[in-house]
């Protein structure tokens, strides 16, 4: 092989890949994803079975956080489909998981909102 011969790299063109993203399109850092998941776990774990009545802000914050997470992952998924015409399997699984958590948080948030309104 001569010094002027270059090997072609595998994968998408360099314009599609952001440094540190590990793939196509926008991607948050792994540290930011871990912090976000940790915040969701903390909100899900705060309080006891009566937290709807004792600390209604916790279920409301959890529902808001899961709604923002689901919207953000939906946006990134739509961006992958429309701009890049490909899907990242990890991003797809994460988006489905985040969308699936929203209906789980809503019933408790609805009761907490009702409790919070009665207190005012």
N, C-alpha and C. Protein backbone atom coordinates (compact mmCIF):
# COMPACT_ATOMS: atom_id res chain seq x y z
N UNK A 1 0.85 -1.16 0.00
CA UNK A 1 0.00 0.00 0.00
C UNK A 1 0.90 1.24 0.00
N UNK A 2 0.63 2.17 -0.87
CA UNK A 2 1.46 3.37 -0.95
C UNK A 2 1.01 4.40 0.08
N UNK A 3 1.83 5.38 0.28
CA UNK A 3 1.55 6.42 1.28
C UNK A 3 0.39 7.30 0.86
N UNK A 4 0.09 7.36 -0.44
CA UNK A 4 -0.99 8.23 -0.90
C UNK A 4 -2.34 7.53 -0.91
N UNK A 5 -2.37 6.24 -0.73
CA UNK A 5 -3.63 5.49 -0.73
C UNK A 5 -4.33 5.66 0.62
N UNK A 6 -5.58 6.01 0.57
CA UNK A 6 -6.36 6.15 1.80
C UNK A 6 -7.43 5.08 1.86
N UNK A 7 -7.64 4.58 3.04
CA UNK A 7 -8.71 3.61 3.24
C UNK A 7 -10.00 4.37 3.49
N UNK A 8 -11.06 3.88 2.93
CA UNK A 8 -12.35 4.51 3.14
C UNK A 8 -12.94 4.00 4.45
N UNK A 9 -13.40 4.92 5.29
CA UNK A 9 -13.97 4.51 6.57
C UNK A 9 -15.37 3.95 6.38
N UNK A 10 -15.72 3.03 7.24
CA UNK A 10 -17.05 2.44 7.19
C UNK A 10 -18.04 3.35 7.89
N UNK A 11 -19.31 3.23 7.55
CA UNK A 11 -20.33 4.00 8.24
C UNK A 11 -20.81 5.18 7.43
N UNK A 12 -21.66 6.00 8.03
CA UNK A 12 -22.23 7.14 7.32
C UNK A 12 -21.18 8.21 7.08
N UNK A 13 -21.46 9.14 6.14
CA UNK A 13 -20.52 10.23 5.91
C UNK A 13 -20.28 11.02 7.18
N UNK A 14 -19.11 11.62 7.29
CA UNK A 14 -18.73 12.34 8.50
C UNK A 14 -19.66 13.49 8.82
N UNK A 15 -20.34 14.05 7.83
CA UNK A 15 -21.25 15.17 8.07
C UNK A 15 -22.44 14.73 8.91
N UNK A 16 -22.78 13.47 8.89
CA UNK A 16 -23.94 12.99 9.63
C UNK A 16 -23.62 12.67 11.08
N UNK A 17 -22.37 12.43 11.38
CA UNK A 17 -22.01 11.96 12.71
C UNK A 17 -21.45 13.11 13.52
N UNK A 18 -22.00 13.31 14.69
CA UNK A 18 -21.49 14.32 15.61
C UNK A 18 -20.44 13.68 16.50
N UNK A 19 -19.40 14.41 16.80
CA UNK A 19 -18.37 13.84 17.68
C UNK A 19 -18.95 13.44 19.03
N UNK A 20 -18.65 12.24 19.45
CA UNK A 20 -19.11 11.77 20.74
C UNK A 20 -20.52 11.24 20.77
N UNK A 21 -21.23 11.33 19.63
CA UNK A 21 -22.62 10.88 19.64
C UNK A 21 -22.73 9.37 19.47
N UNK A 22 -21.76 8.78 18.83
CA UNK A 22 -21.80 7.35 18.62
C UNK A 22 -22.76 6.93 17.53
N UNK A 23 -23.31 7.87 16.78
CA UNK A 23 -24.24 7.49 15.73
C UNK A 23 -24.73 8.67 14.94
N UNK A 24 -25.87 8.49 14.32
CA UNK A 24 -26.43 9.47 13.42
C UNK A 24 -27.27 10.48 14.20
N UNK A 25 -27.17 11.73 13.81
CA UNK A 25 -28.05 12.76 14.36
C UNK A 25 -27.63 13.26 15.73
N UNK A 26 -28.53 13.96 16.35
CA UNK A 26 -28.26 14.51 17.68
C UNK A 26 -28.32 13.43 18.73
N UNK A 27 -27.52 13.59 19.73
CA UNK A 27 -27.56 12.65 20.84
C UNK A 27 -27.06 13.36 22.08
N UNK A 28 -27.73 13.12 23.17
CA UNK A 28 -27.25 13.68 24.41
C UNK A 28 -26.12 12.82 24.94
N UNK A 29 -25.37 13.36 25.82
CA UNK A 29 -24.26 12.58 26.36
C UNK A 29 -24.80 11.50 27.30
N UNK A 30 -24.02 10.49 27.48
CA UNK A 30 -24.43 9.40 28.36
C UNK A 30 -24.57 9.90 29.79
N UNK A 31 -23.73 10.84 30.19
CA UNK A 31 -23.82 11.38 31.54
C UNK A 31 -25.14 12.11 31.76
N UNK A 32 -25.57 12.89 30.77
CA UNK A 32 -26.84 13.61 30.89
C UNK A 32 -28.02 12.63 30.94
N UNK A 33 -27.93 11.57 30.17
CA UNK A 33 -29.00 10.56 30.19
C UNK A 33 -29.07 9.86 31.54
N UNK A 34 -27.91 9.60 32.13
CA UNK A 34 -27.89 8.95 33.45
C UNK A 34 -28.43 9.87 34.53
N UNK A 35 -28.09 11.15 34.46
CA UNK A 35 -28.61 12.11 35.43
C UNK A 35 -30.13 12.22 35.31
N UNK A 36 -30.62 12.27 34.08
CA UNK A 36 -32.07 12.36 33.86
C UNK A 36 -32.78 11.11 34.37
N UNK A 37 -32.23 9.95 34.08
CA UNK A 37 -32.84 8.70 34.56
C UNK A 37 -32.78 8.64 36.08
N UNK A 38 -31.68 9.11 36.65
CA UNK A 38 -31.56 9.13 38.11
C UNK A 38 -32.59 10.05 38.75
N UNK A 39 -32.83 11.21 38.13
CA UNK A 39 -33.84 12.13 38.65
C UNK A 39 -35.23 11.50 38.60
N UNK A 40 -35.51 10.78 37.54
CA UNK A 40 -36.80 10.09 37.43
C UNK A 40 -36.92 9.03 38.52
N UNK A 41 -35.87 8.28 38.75
CA UNK A 41 -35.90 7.25 39.80
C UNK A 41 -36.09 7.86 41.18
N UNK A 42 -35.43 8.98 41.44
CA UNK A 42 -35.58 9.65 42.73
C UNK A 42 -37.02 10.10 42.91
N UNK A 43 -37.59 10.73 41.89
CA UNK A 43 -38.99 11.18 42.00
C UNK A 43 -39.94 10.00 42.18
N UNK A 44 -39.66 8.90 41.51
CA UNK A 44 -40.52 7.73 41.64
C UNK A 44 -40.40 7.09 43.02
N UNK A 45 -39.24 7.26 43.66
CA UNK A 45 -39.02 6.60 44.94
C UNK A 45 -39.29 7.45 46.17
N UNK A 46 -39.52 8.73 45.99
CA UNK A 46 -39.76 9.61 47.14
C UNK A 46 -41.13 9.31 47.74
N UNK A 47 -41.17 9.26 49.04
CA UNK A 47 -42.44 9.15 49.75
C UNK A 47 -42.89 7.72 49.98
N UNK A 48 -44.06 7.63 50.59
CA UNK A 48 -44.65 6.33 50.89
C UNK A 48 -45.91 6.14 50.05
N UNK A 49 -46.72 5.21 50.43
CA UNK A 49 -47.94 4.94 49.66
C UNK A 49 -48.95 6.09 49.72
N UNK A 50 -48.83 6.90 50.73
CA UNK A 50 -49.76 8.02 50.89
C UNK A 50 -49.18 9.34 50.36
N UNK A 51 -48.17 9.27 49.52
CA UNK A 51 -47.53 10.50 49.06
C UNK A 51 -48.45 11.37 48.24
N UNK A 52 -49.49 10.79 47.68
CA UNK A 52 -50.47 11.59 46.94
C UNK A 52 -51.12 12.61 47.87
N UNK A 53 -51.33 12.22 49.11
CA UNK A 53 -51.98 13.11 50.07
C UNK A 53 -50.97 13.91 50.90
N UNK A 54 -49.82 13.32 51.19
CA UNK A 54 -48.85 14.01 52.05
C UNK A 54 -47.95 14.96 51.27
N UNK A 55 -47.47 14.55 50.12
CA UNK A 55 -46.60 15.39 49.28
C UNK A 55 -47.08 15.33 47.83
N UNK A 56 -48.16 16.02 47.50
CA UNK A 56 -48.71 15.91 46.15
C UNK A 56 -47.80 16.47 45.06
N UNK A 57 -46.81 17.28 45.42
CA UNK A 57 -45.93 17.82 44.39
C UNK A 57 -45.06 16.74 43.77
N UNK A 58 -44.80 15.66 44.49
CA UNK A 58 -43.92 14.61 43.96
C UNK A 58 -44.56 13.90 42.76
N UNK A 59 -45.79 13.40 42.87
CA UNK A 59 -46.39 12.77 41.68
C UNK A 59 -46.59 13.75 40.53
N UNK A 60 -46.86 15.02 40.86
CA UNK A 60 -47.01 16.02 39.80
C UNK A 60 -45.69 16.26 39.09
N UNK A 61 -44.61 16.35 39.86
CA UNK A 61 -43.28 16.53 39.26
C UNK A 61 -42.88 15.31 38.43
N UNK A 62 -43.21 14.13 38.92
CA UNK A 62 -42.89 12.91 38.19
C UNK A 62 -43.64 12.86 36.86
N UNK A 63 -44.91 13.22 36.88
CA UNK A 63 -45.70 13.22 35.64
C UNK A 63 -45.16 14.26 34.66
N UNK A 64 -44.79 15.43 35.17
CA UNK A 64 -44.23 16.46 34.29
C UNK A 64 -42.90 16.00 33.70
N UNK A 65 -42.07 15.38 34.50
CA UNK A 65 -40.76 14.91 34.03
C UNK A 65 -40.93 13.81 32.99
N UNK A 66 -41.82 12.88 33.22
CA UNK A 66 -42.01 11.81 32.24
C UNK A 66 -42.63 12.36 30.95
N UNK A 67 -43.48 13.39 31.06
CA UNK A 67 -44.06 13.99 29.85
C UNK A 67 -42.98 14.69 29.03
N UNK A 68 -42.09 15.42 29.70
CA UNK A 68 -41.00 16.09 29.00
C UNK A 68 -40.05 15.06 28.37
N UNK A 69 -39.75 14.01 29.11
CA UNK A 69 -38.87 12.95 28.58
C UNK A 69 -39.50 12.28 27.36
N UNK A 70 -40.79 11.99 27.43
CA UNK A 70 -41.47 11.34 26.31
C UNK A 70 -41.52 12.26 25.09
N UNK A 71 -41.78 13.54 25.31
CA UNK A 71 -41.81 14.49 24.19
C UNK A 71 -40.43 14.64 23.57
N UNK A 72 -39.41 14.73 24.39
CA UNK A 72 -38.05 14.85 23.87
C UNK A 72 -37.61 13.64 23.08
N UNK A 73 -37.91 12.46 23.60
CA UNK A 73 -37.51 11.25 22.87
C UNK A 73 -38.33 11.10 21.59
N UNK A 74 -39.58 11.51 21.62
CA UNK A 74 -40.40 11.49 20.40
C UNK A 74 -39.86 12.44 19.34
N UNK A 75 -39.40 13.62 19.79
CA UNK A 75 -38.82 14.58 18.86
C UNK A 75 -37.55 14.01 18.23
N UNK A 76 -36.68 13.43 19.04
CA UNK A 76 -35.45 12.87 18.50
C UNK A 76 -35.71 11.69 17.56
N UNK A 77 -36.72 10.90 17.89
CA UNK A 77 -37.08 9.77 17.03
C UNK A 77 -37.61 10.28 15.68
N UNK A 78 -38.47 11.30 15.73
CA UNK A 78 -38.99 11.89 14.49
C UNK A 78 -37.88 12.51 13.67
N UNK A 79 -36.92 13.14 14.34
CA UNK A 79 -35.79 13.74 13.63
C UNK A 79 -34.96 12.67 12.93
N UNK A 80 -34.75 11.56 13.59
CA UNK A 80 -33.99 10.48 12.96
C UNK A 80 -34.70 9.99 11.70
N UNK A 81 -36.01 9.85 11.79
CA UNK A 81 -36.76 9.34 10.64
C UNK A 81 -36.80 10.34 9.49
N UNK A 82 -37.02 11.62 9.80
CA UNK A 82 -37.19 12.60 8.73
C UNK A 82 -35.88 13.10 8.14
N UNK A 83 -34.92 13.39 8.99
CA UNK A 83 -33.66 13.96 8.49
C UNK A 83 -32.67 12.90 8.03
N UNK A 84 -32.58 11.82 8.77
CA UNK A 84 -31.53 10.84 8.51
C UNK A 84 -32.04 9.55 7.89
N UNK A 85 -33.34 9.36 7.92
CA UNK A 85 -33.99 8.18 7.34
C UNK A 85 -33.40 6.87 7.85
N UNK A 86 -33.06 6.89 9.12
CA UNK A 86 -32.59 5.67 9.78
C UNK A 86 -32.89 5.79 11.27
N UNK A 87 -32.97 4.65 11.92
CA UNK A 87 -33.26 4.63 13.35
C UNK A 87 -32.13 3.96 14.11
N UNK A 88 -31.84 4.52 15.25
CA UNK A 88 -30.89 3.91 16.17
C UNK A 88 -31.70 2.97 17.07
N UNK A 89 -31.28 1.72 17.17
CA UNK A 89 -32.07 0.76 17.95
C UNK A 89 -32.13 1.14 19.42
N UNK A 90 -31.03 1.62 19.97
CA UNK A 90 -31.03 2.04 21.37
C UNK A 90 -31.94 3.23 21.61
N UNK A 91 -31.94 4.18 20.68
CA UNK A 91 -32.81 5.35 20.81
C UNK A 91 -34.28 4.95 20.70
N UNK A 92 -34.56 4.00 19.83
CA UNK A 92 -35.95 3.55 19.66
C UNK A 92 -36.46 2.87 20.92
N UNK A 93 -35.65 2.01 21.50
CA UNK A 93 -36.04 1.32 22.74
C UNK A 93 -36.22 2.34 23.87
N UNK A 94 -35.30 3.30 23.97
CA UNK A 94 -35.40 4.32 25.01
C UNK A 94 -36.65 5.17 24.82
N UNK A 95 -36.96 5.54 23.59
CA UNK A 95 -38.16 6.34 23.33
C UNK A 95 -39.42 5.57 23.69
N UNK A 96 -39.48 4.30 23.33
CA UNK A 96 -40.66 3.49 23.68
C UNK A 96 -40.80 3.34 25.19
N UNK A 97 -39.69 3.16 25.88
CA UNK A 97 -39.74 3.03 27.34
C UNK A 97 -40.21 4.33 27.99
N UNK A 98 -39.74 5.46 27.48
CA UNK A 98 -40.15 6.74 28.06
C UNK A 98 -41.61 7.04 27.79
N UNK A 99 -42.08 6.70 26.61
CA UNK A 99 -43.50 6.89 26.30
C UNK A 99 -44.36 5.96 27.15
N UNK A 100 -43.87 4.75 27.41
CA UNK A 100 -44.62 3.78 28.22
C UNK A 100 -44.73 4.19 29.68
N UNK A 101 -43.78 4.98 30.18
CA UNK A 101 -43.84 5.38 31.59
C UNK A 101 -44.85 6.49 31.84
N UNK A 102 -45.19 7.26 30.84
CA UNK A 102 -46.12 8.37 31.04
C UNK A 102 -47.50 7.92 31.52
N UNK A 103 -48.14 6.93 30.89
CA UNK A 103 -49.44 6.50 31.40
C UNK A 103 -49.39 5.92 32.81
N UNK A 104 -48.23 5.43 33.22
CA UNK A 104 -48.10 4.90 34.57
C UNK A 104 -48.08 6.02 35.62
N UNK A 105 -47.59 7.19 35.25
CA UNK A 105 -47.48 8.31 36.19
C UNK A 105 -48.76 9.15 36.24
N UNK A 106 -49.58 9.10 35.23
CA UNK A 106 -50.74 9.99 35.15
C UNK A 106 -51.83 9.74 36.20
N UNK A 107 -52.22 8.51 36.50
CA UNK A 107 -53.29 8.33 37.50
C UNK A 107 -52.94 8.91 38.87
N UNK A 108 -51.72 8.68 39.32
CA UNK A 108 -51.29 9.21 40.60
C UNK A 108 -51.23 10.74 40.56
N UNK A 109 -50.79 11.28 39.42
CA UNK A 109 -50.71 12.73 39.28
C UNK A 109 -52.10 13.36 39.29
N UNK A 110 -53.07 12.68 38.70
CA UNK A 110 -54.44 13.20 38.69
C UNK A 110 -54.99 13.29 40.10
N UNK A 111 -54.78 12.27 40.92
CA UNK A 111 -55.23 12.29 42.32
C UNK A 111 -54.47 13.35 43.10
N UNK A 112 -53.17 13.47 42.85
CA UNK A 112 -52.37 14.48 43.54
C UNK A 112 -52.82 15.89 43.19
N UNK A 113 -53.18 16.11 41.94
CA UNK A 113 -53.67 17.43 41.53
C UNK A 113 -54.99 17.75 42.22
N UNK A 114 -55.85 16.76 42.32
CA UNK A 114 -57.12 16.95 43.01
C UNK A 114 -56.87 17.27 44.49
N UNK A 115 -55.96 16.55 45.12
CA UNK A 115 -55.61 16.79 46.53
C UNK A 115 -55.02 18.18 46.70
N UNK A 116 -54.13 18.56 45.83
CA UNK A 116 -53.49 19.87 45.91
C UNK A 116 -54.50 21.00 45.76
N UNK A 117 -55.45 20.84 44.84
CA UNK A 117 -56.48 21.86 44.63
C UNK A 117 -57.40 21.99 45.84
N UNK A 118 -57.71 20.87 46.50
CA UNK A 118 -58.56 20.93 47.70
C UNK A 118 -57.88 21.67 48.83
N UNK A 119 -56.56 21.56 48.93
CA UNK A 119 -55.83 22.24 49.99
C UNK A 119 -55.80 23.75 49.81
N UNK A 120 -55.90 24.22 48.63
CA UNK A 120 -55.80 25.64 48.36
C UNK A 120 -57.08 26.30 48.62
